[in-house]
Amino acid sequence: MAAKIAGEEWKNMTEKQRGPYEEVAEKNREKYMQEMEAYKQTRDGEAMNLKKEEEEQMKLQKQEALN
């Protein structure tokens, strides 16, 4: 019910009235995108490190099996 009322009010607002809200939304969107990119880089880096560790472990296991 509240969402419907808010939607109707938004629909009836002028561009000038919407401006401040859209500016805040854009700033929040930009911040989110920056944080998401940083998260993705961290996640990808951790995945790469894990893969390297697994490869090292496999090499050690092969060497132990040959001895």
PDB file of N, CA and C in Angstrom:
ATOM      1  N   MET A   1       0.827  -1.190   0.000  1.00  0.00           N
ATOM      2  CA  MET A   1       0.000   0.000   0.000  1.00  0.00           C
ATOM      3  C   MET A   1       0.873   1.255   0.000  1.00  0.00           C
ATOM      4  N   ALA A   2       1.883   1.276   0.879  1.00  0.00           N
ATOM      5  CA  ALA A   2       2.755   2.448   0.962  1.00  0.00           C
ATOM      6  C   ALA A   2       3.545   2.623  -0.330  1.00  0.00           C
ATOM      7  N   ALA A   3       3.983   1.509  -0.917  1.00  0.00           N
ATOM      8  CA  ALA A   3       4.747   1.585  -2.160  1.00  0.00           C
ATOM      9  C   ALA A   3       3.894   2.158  -3.282  1.00  0.00           C
ATOM     10  N   LYS A   4       2.644   1.804  -3.303  1.00  0.00           N
ATOM     11  CA  LYS A   4       1.737   2.314  -4.334  1.00  0.00           C
ATOM     12  C   LYS A   4       1.564   3.823  -4.194  1.00  0.00           C
ATOM     13  N   ILE A   5       1.396   4.283  -2.972  1.00  0.00           N
ATOM     14  CA  ILE A   5       1.237   5.716  -2.730  1.00  0.00           C
ATOM     15  C   ILE A   5       2.518   6.456  -3.101  1.00  0.00           C
ATOM     16  N   ALA A   6       3.660   5.912  -2.686  1.00  0.00           N
ATOM     17  CA  ALA A   6       4.941   6.546  -3.006  1.00  0.00           C
ATOM     18  C   ALA A   6       5.157   6.591  -4.512  1.00  0.00           C
ATOM     19  N   GLY A   7       4.789   5.518  -5.204  1.00  0.00           N
ATOM     20  CA  GLY A   7       4.923   5.481  -6.660  1.00  0.00           C
ATOM     21  C   GLY A   7       4.079   6.533  -7.335  1.00  0.00           C
ATOM     22  N   GLU A   8       2.885   6.709  -6.841  1.00  0.00           N
ATOM     23  CA  GLU A   8       2.003   7.729  -7.416  1.00  0.00           C
ATOM     24  C   GLU A   8       2.552   9.124  -7.170  1.00  0.00           C
ATOM     25  N   GLU A   9       3.097   9.356  -5.958  1.00  0.00           N
ATOM     26  CA  GLU A   9       3.674  10.662  -5.656  1.00  0.00           C
ATOM     27  C   GLU A   9       4.882  10.925  -6.549  1.00  0.00           C
ATOM     28  N   TRP A  10       5.734   9.913  -6.744  1.00  0.00           N
ATOM     29  CA  TRP A  10       6.906  10.056  -7.601  1.00  0.00           C
ATOM     30  C   TRP A  10       6.484  10.394  -9.024  1.00  0.00           C
ATOM     31  N   LYS A  11       5.470   9.718  -9.491  1.00  0.00           N
ATOM     32  CA  LYS A  11       4.953   9.921 -10.844  1.00  0.00           C
ATOM     33  C   LYS A  11       4.467  11.358 -11.036  1.00  0.00           C
ATOM     34  N   ASN A  12       3.927  11.945  -9.981  1.00  0.00           N
ATOM     35  CA  ASN A  12       3.369  13.290 -10.073  1.00  0.00           C
ATOM     36  C   ASN A  12       4.395  14.387  -9.809  1.00  0.00           C
ATOM     37  N   MET A  13       5.626  14.023  -9.440  1.00  0.00           N
ATOM     38  CA  MET A  13       6.664  15.020  -9.170  1.00  0.00           C
ATOM     39  C   MET A  13       7.240  15.553 -10.478  1.00  0.00           C
ATOM     40  N   THR A  14       7.722  16.780 -10.430  1.00  0.00           N
ATOM     41  CA  THR A  14       8.395  17.360 -11.587  1.00  0.00           C
ATOM     42  C   THR A  14       9.848  16.896 -11.602  1.00  0.00           C
ATOM     43  N   GLU A  15      10.507  17.097 -12.730  1.00  0.00           N
ATOM     44  CA  GLU A  15      11.927  16.749 -12.845  1.00  0.00           C
ATOM     45  C   GLU A  15      12.744  17.496 -11.792  1.00  0.00           C
ATOM     46  N   LYS A  16      12.394  18.758 -11.560  1.00  0.00           N
ATOM     47  CA  LYS A  16      13.106  19.570 -10.580  1.00  0.00           C
ATOM     48  C   LYS A  16      12.951  18.984  -9.173  1.00  0.00           C
ATOM     49  N   GLN A  17      11.760  18.507  -8.840  1.00  0.00           N
ATOM     50  CA  GLN A  17      11.518  17.915  -7.532  1.00  0.00           C
ATOM     51  C   GLN A  17      12.247  16.579  -7.395  1.00  0.00           C
ATOM     52  N   ARG A  18      12.385  15.844  -8.474  1.00  0.00           N
ATOM     53  CA  ARG A  18      13.051  14.540  -8.444  1.00  0.00           C
ATOM     54  C   ARG A  18      14.571  14.667  -8.383  1.00  0.00           C
ATOM     55  N   GLY A  19      15.089  15.776  -8.861  1.00  0.00           N
ATOM     56  CA  GLY A  19      16.530  15.988  -8.991  1.00  0.00           C
ATOM     57  C   GLY A  19      17.366  15.571  -7.792  1.00  0.00           C
ATOM     58  N   PRO A  20      17.075  16.102  -6.600  1.00  0.00           N
ATOM     59  CA  PRO A  20      17.910  15.752  -5.442  1.00  0.00           C
ATOM     60  C   PRO A  20      17.917  14.243  -5.147  1.00  0.00           C
ATOM     61  N   TYR A  21      16.785  13.606  -5.318  1.00  0.00           N
ATOM     62  CA  TYR A  21      16.702  12.163  -5.065  1.00  0.00           C
ATOM     63  C   TYR A  21      17.510  11.380  -6.102  1.00  0.00           C
ATOM     64  N   GLU A  22      17.447  11.828  -7.334  1.00  0.00           N
ATOM     65  CA  GLU A  22      18.187  11.145  -8.395  1.00  0.00           C
ATOM     66  C   GLU A  22      19.692  11.333  -8.223  1.00  0.00           C
ATOM     67  N   GLU A  23      20.106  12.506  -7.723  1.00  0.00           N
ATOM     68  CA  GLU A  23      21.528  12.748  -7.457  1.00  0.00           C
ATOM     69  C   GLU A  23      22.045  11.805  -6.372  1.00  0.00           C
ATOM     70  N   VAL A  24      21.276  11.658  -5.304  1.00  0.00           N
ATOM     71  CA  VAL A  24      21.669  10.752  -4.219  1.00  0.00           C
ATOM     72  C   VAL A  24      21.725   9.322  -4.745  1.00  0.00           C
ATOM     73  N   ALA A  25      20.733   8.949  -5.549  1.00  0.00           N
ATOM     74  CA  ALA A  25      20.706   7.592  -6.100  1.00  0.00           C
ATOM     75  C   ALA A  25      21.926   7.350  -6.987  1.00  0.00           C
ATOM     76  N   GLU A  26      22.322   8.328  -7.770  1.00  0.00           N
ATOM     77  CA  GLU A  26      23.483   8.176  -8.658  1.00  0.00           C
ATOM     78  C   GLU A  26      24.767   8.033  -7.842  1.00  0.00           C
ATOM     79  N   LYS A  27      24.912   8.835  -6.786  1.00  0.00           N
ATOM     80  CA  LYS A  27      26.094   8.728  -5.928  1.00  0.00           C
ATOM     81  C   LYS A  27      26.154   7.351  -5.271  1.00  0.00           C
ATOM     82  N   ASN A  28      25.008   6.886  -4.793  1.00  0.00           N
ATOM     83  CA  ASN A  28      24.961   5.557  -4.177  1.00  0.00           C
ATOM     84  C   ASN A  28      25.291   4.467  -5.191  1.00  0.00           C
ATOM     85  N   ARG A  29      24.822   4.619  -6.414  1.00  0.00           N
ATOM     86  CA  ARG A  29      25.084   3.650  -7.473  1.00  0.00           C
ATOM     87  C   ARG A  29      26.579   3.603  -7.783  1.00  0.00           C
ATOM     88  N   GLU A  30      27.209   4.768  -7.876  1.00  0.00           N
ATOM     89  CA  GLU A  30      28.640   4.836  -8.157  1.00  0.00           C
ATOM     90  C   GLU A  30      29.446   4.183  -7.033  1.00  0.00           C
ATOM     91  N   LYS A  31      29.080   4.475  -5.790  1.00  0.00           N
ATOM     92  CA  LYS A  31      29.778   3.885  -4.643  1.00  0.00           C
ATOM     93  C   LYS A  31      29.622   2.364  -4.663  1.00  0.00           C
ATOM     94  N   TYR A  32      28.423   1.902  -4.942  1.00  0.00           N
ATOM     95  CA  TYR A  32      28.172   0.463  -5.011  1.00  0.00           C
ATOM     96  C   TYR A  32      29.046  -0.187  -6.082  1.00  0.00           C
ATOM     97  N   MET A  33      29.122   0.431  -7.258  1.00  0.00           N
ATOM     98  CA  MET A  33      29.908  -0.146  -8.352  1.00  0.00           C
ATOM     99  C   MET A  33      31.389  -0.208  -7.977  1.00  0.00           C
ATOM    100  N   GLN A  34      31.898   0.820  -7.313  1.00  0.00           N
ATOM    101  CA  GLN A  34      33.298   0.815  -6.882  1.00  0.00           C
ATOM    102  C   GLN A  34      33.549  -0.291  -5.862  1.00  0.00           C
ATOM    103  N   GLU A  35      32.643  -0.412  -4.912  1.00  0.00           N
ATOM    104  CA  GLU A  35      32.804  -1.453  -3.893  1.00  0.00           C
ATOM    105  C   GLU A  35      32.687  -2.845  -4.505  1.00  0.00           C
ATOM    106  N   MET A  36      31.790  -3.009  -5.457  1.00  0.00           N
ATOM    107  CA  MET A  36      31.612  -4.307  -6.102  1.00  0.00           C
ATOM    108  C   MET A  36      32.862  -4.671  -6.904  1.00  0.00           C
ATOM    109  N   GLU A  37      33.448  -3.710  -7.585  1.00  0.00           N
ATOM    110  CA  GLU A  37      34.663  -3.971  -8.361  1.00  0.00           C
ATOM    111  C   GLU A  37      35.812  -4.370  -7.431  1.00  0.00           C
ATOM    112  N   ALA A  38      35.938  -3.681  -6.311  1.00  0.00           N
ATOM    113  CA  ALA A  38      36.982  -4.025  -5.339  1.00  0.00           C
ATOM    114  C   ALA A  38      36.749  -5.434  -4.800  1.00  0.00           C
ATOM    115  N   TYR A  39      35.507  -5.769  -4.524  1.00  0.00           N
ATOM    116  CA  TYR A  39      35.175  -7.109  -4.035  1.00  0.00           C
ATOM    117  C   TYR A  39      35.530  -8.171  -5.068  1.00  0.00           C
ATOM    118  N   LYS A  40      35.186  -7.917  -6.324  1.00  0.00           N
ATOM    119  CA  LYS A  40      35.471  -8.888  -7.386  1.00  0.00           C
ATOM    120  C   LYS A  40      36.968  -9.120  -7.525  1.00  0.00           C
ATOM    121  N   GLN A  41      37.753  -8.050  -7.446  1.00  0.00           N
ATOM    122  CA  GLN A  41      39.203  -8.188  -7.564  1.00  0.00           C
ATOM    123  C   GLN A  41      39.758  -8.995  -6.393  1.00  0.00           C
ATOM    124  N   THR A  42      39.255  -8.735  -5.200  1.00  0.00           N
ATOM    125  CA  THR A  42      39.695  -9.483  -4.024  1.00  0.00           C
ATOM    126  C   THR A  42      39.319 -10.948  -4.159  1.00  0.00           C
ATOM    127  N   ARG A  43      38.079 -11.196  -4.566  1.00  0.00           N
ATOM    128  CA  ARG A  43      37.587 -12.567  -4.723  1.00  0.00           C
ATOM    129  C   ARG A  43      38.392 -13.307  -5.774  1.00  0.00           C
ATOM    130  N   ASP A  44      38.652 -12.663  -6.907  1.00  0.00           N
ATOM    131  CA  ASP A  44      39.428 -13.299  -7.967  1.00  0.00           C
ATOM    132  C   ASP A  44      40.857 -13.580  -7.514  1.00  0.00           C
ATOM    133  N   GLY A  45      41.432 -12.659  -6.762  1.00  0.00           N
ATOM    134  CA  GLY A  45      42.785 -12.860  -6.240  1.00  0.00           C
ATOM    135  C   GLY A  45      42.840 -14.028  -5.273  1.00  0.00           C
ATOM    136  N   GLU A  46      41.833 -14.131  -4.422  1.00  0.00           N
ATOM    137  CA  GLU A  46      41.790 -15.244  -3.471  1.00  0.00           C
ATOM    138  C   GLU A  46      41.618 -16.570  -4.200  1.00  0.00           C
ATOM    139  N   ALA A  47      40.803 -16.588  -5.230  1.00  0.00           N
ATOM    140  CA  ALA A  47      40.586 -17.816  -5.998  1.00  0.00           C
ATOM    141  C   ALA A  47      41.881 -18.242  -6.691  1.00  0.00           C
ATOM    142  N   MET A  48      42.619 -17.269  -7.209  1.00  0.00           N
ATOM    143  CA  MET A  48      43.881 -17.581  -7.874  1.00  0.00           C
ATOM    144  C   MET A  48      44.886 -18.149  -6.880  1.00  0.00           C
ATOM    145  N   ASN A  49      44.950 -17.555  -5.686  1.00  0.00           N
ATOM    146  CA  ASN A  49      45.861 -18.058  -4.653  1.00  0.00           C
ATOM    147  C   ASN A  49      45.482 -19.467  -4.230  1.00  0.00           C
ATOM    148  N   LEU A  50      44.203 -19.729  -4.105  1.00  0.00           N
ATOM    149  CA  LEU A  50      43.746 -21.061  -3.725  1.00  0.00           C
ATOM    150  C   LEU A  50      44.117 -22.086  -4.793  1.00  0.00           C
ATOM    151  N   LYS A  51      43.955 -21.705  -6.047  1.00  0.00           N
ATOM    152  CA  LYS A  51      44.303 -22.607  -7.136  1.00  0.00           C
ATOM    153  C   LYS A  51      45.802 -22.916  -7.124  1.00  0.00           C
ATOM    154  N   LYS A  52      46.619 -21.901  -6.888  1.00  0.00           N
ATOM    155  CA  LYS A  52      48.067 -22.114  -6.817  1.00  0.00           C
ATOM    156  C   LYS A  52      48.415 -23.049  -5.663  1.00  0.00           C
ATOM    157  N   GLU A  53      47.763 -22.852  -4.522  1.00  0.00           N
ATOM    158  CA  GLU A  53      48.019 -23.725  -3.375  1.00  0.00           C
ATOM    159  C   GLU A  53      47.633 -25.165  -3.687  1.00  0.00           C
ATOM    160  N   GLU A  54      46.511 -25.352  -4.363  1.00  0.00           N
ATOM    161  CA  GLU A  54      46.078 -26.705  -4.727  1.00  0.00           C
ATOM    162  C   GLU A  54      47.064 -27.353  -5.694  1.00  0.00           C
ATOM    163  N   GLU A  55      47.577 -26.587  -6.648  1.00  0.00           N
ATOM    164  CA  GLU A  55      48.562 -27.108  -7.588  1.00  0.00           C
ATOM    165  C   GLU A  55      49.848 -27.499  -6.872  1.00  0.00           C
ATOM    166  N   GLU A  56      50.279 -26.687  -5.933  1.00  0.00           N
ATOM    167  CA  GLU A  56      51.476 -26.999  -5.153  1.00  0.00           C
ATOM    168  C   GLU A  56      51.271 -28.290  -4.356  1.00  0.00           C
ATOM    169  N   GLN A  57      50.089 -28.427  -3.770  1.00  0.00           N
ATOM    170  CA  GLN A  57      49.781 -29.621  -2.992  1.00  0.00           C
ATOM    171  C   GLN A  57      49.802 -30.863  -3.883  1.00  0.00           C
ATOM    172  N   MET A  58      49.250 -30.752  -5.089  1.00  0.00           N
ATOM    173  CA  MET A  58      49.240 -31.876  -6.032  1.00  0.00           C
ATOM    174  C   MET A  58      50.666 -32.266  -6.412  1.00  0.00           C
ATOM    175  N   LYS A  59      51.535 -31.283  -6.628  1.00  0.00           N
ATOM    176  CA  LYS A  59      52.932 -31.566  -6.971  1.00  0.00           C
ATOM    177  C   LYS A  59      53.619 -32.311  -5.834  1.00  0.00           C
ATOM    178  N   LEU A  60      53.371 -31.864  -4.605  1.00  0.00           N
ATOM    179  CA  LEU A  60      53.982 -32.525  -3.444  1.00  0.00           C
ATOM    180  C   LEU A  60      53.484 -33.957  -3.313  1.00  0.00           C
ATOM    181  N   GLN A  61      52.202 -34.164  -3.548  1.00  0.00           N
ATOM    182  CA  GLN A  61      51.640 -35.511  -3.447  1.00  0.00           C
ATOM    183  C   GLN A  61      52.226 -36.424  -4.524  1.00  0.00           C
ATOM    184  N   LYS A  62      52.413 -35.911  -5.716  1.00  0.00           N
ATOM    185  CA  LYS A  62      53.016 -36.708  -6.795  1.00  0.00           C
ATOM    186  C   LYS A  62      54.448 -37.068  -6.446  1.00  0.00           C
ATOM    187  N   GLN A  63      55.196 -36.107  -5.918  1.00  0.00           N
ATOM    188  CA  GLN A  63      56.577 -36.367  -5.552  1.00  0.00           C
ATOM    189  C   GLN A  63      56.656 -37.415  -4.439  1.00  0.00           C
ATOM    190  N   GLU A  64      55.765 -37.314  -3.471  1.00  0.00           N
ATOM    191  CA  GLU A  64      55.756 -38.292  -2.386  1.00  0.00           C
ATOM    192  C   GLU A  64      55.384 -39.674  -2.892  1.00  0.00           C
ATOM    193  N   ALA A  65      54.479 -39.732  -3.861  1.00  0.00           N
ATOM    194  CA  ALA A  65      54.050 -41.018  -4.405  1.00  0.00           C
ATOM    195  C   ALA A  65      55.192 -41.675  -5.187  1.00  0.00           C
ATOM    196  N   LEU A  66      56.029 -40.896  -5.825  1.00  0.00           N
ATOM    197  CA  LEU A  66      57.144 -41.433  -6.615  1.00  0.00           C
ATOM    198  C   LEU A  66      58.275 -41.902  -5.696  1.00  0.00           C
ATOM    199  N   ASN A  67      58.376 -41.392  -4.509  1.00  0.00           N
ATOM    200  CA  ASN A  67      59.469 -41.764  -3.581  1.00  0.00           C
ATOM    201  C   ASN A  67      59.152 -43.002  -2.842  1.00  0.00           C
TER     202      ASN A  67
END
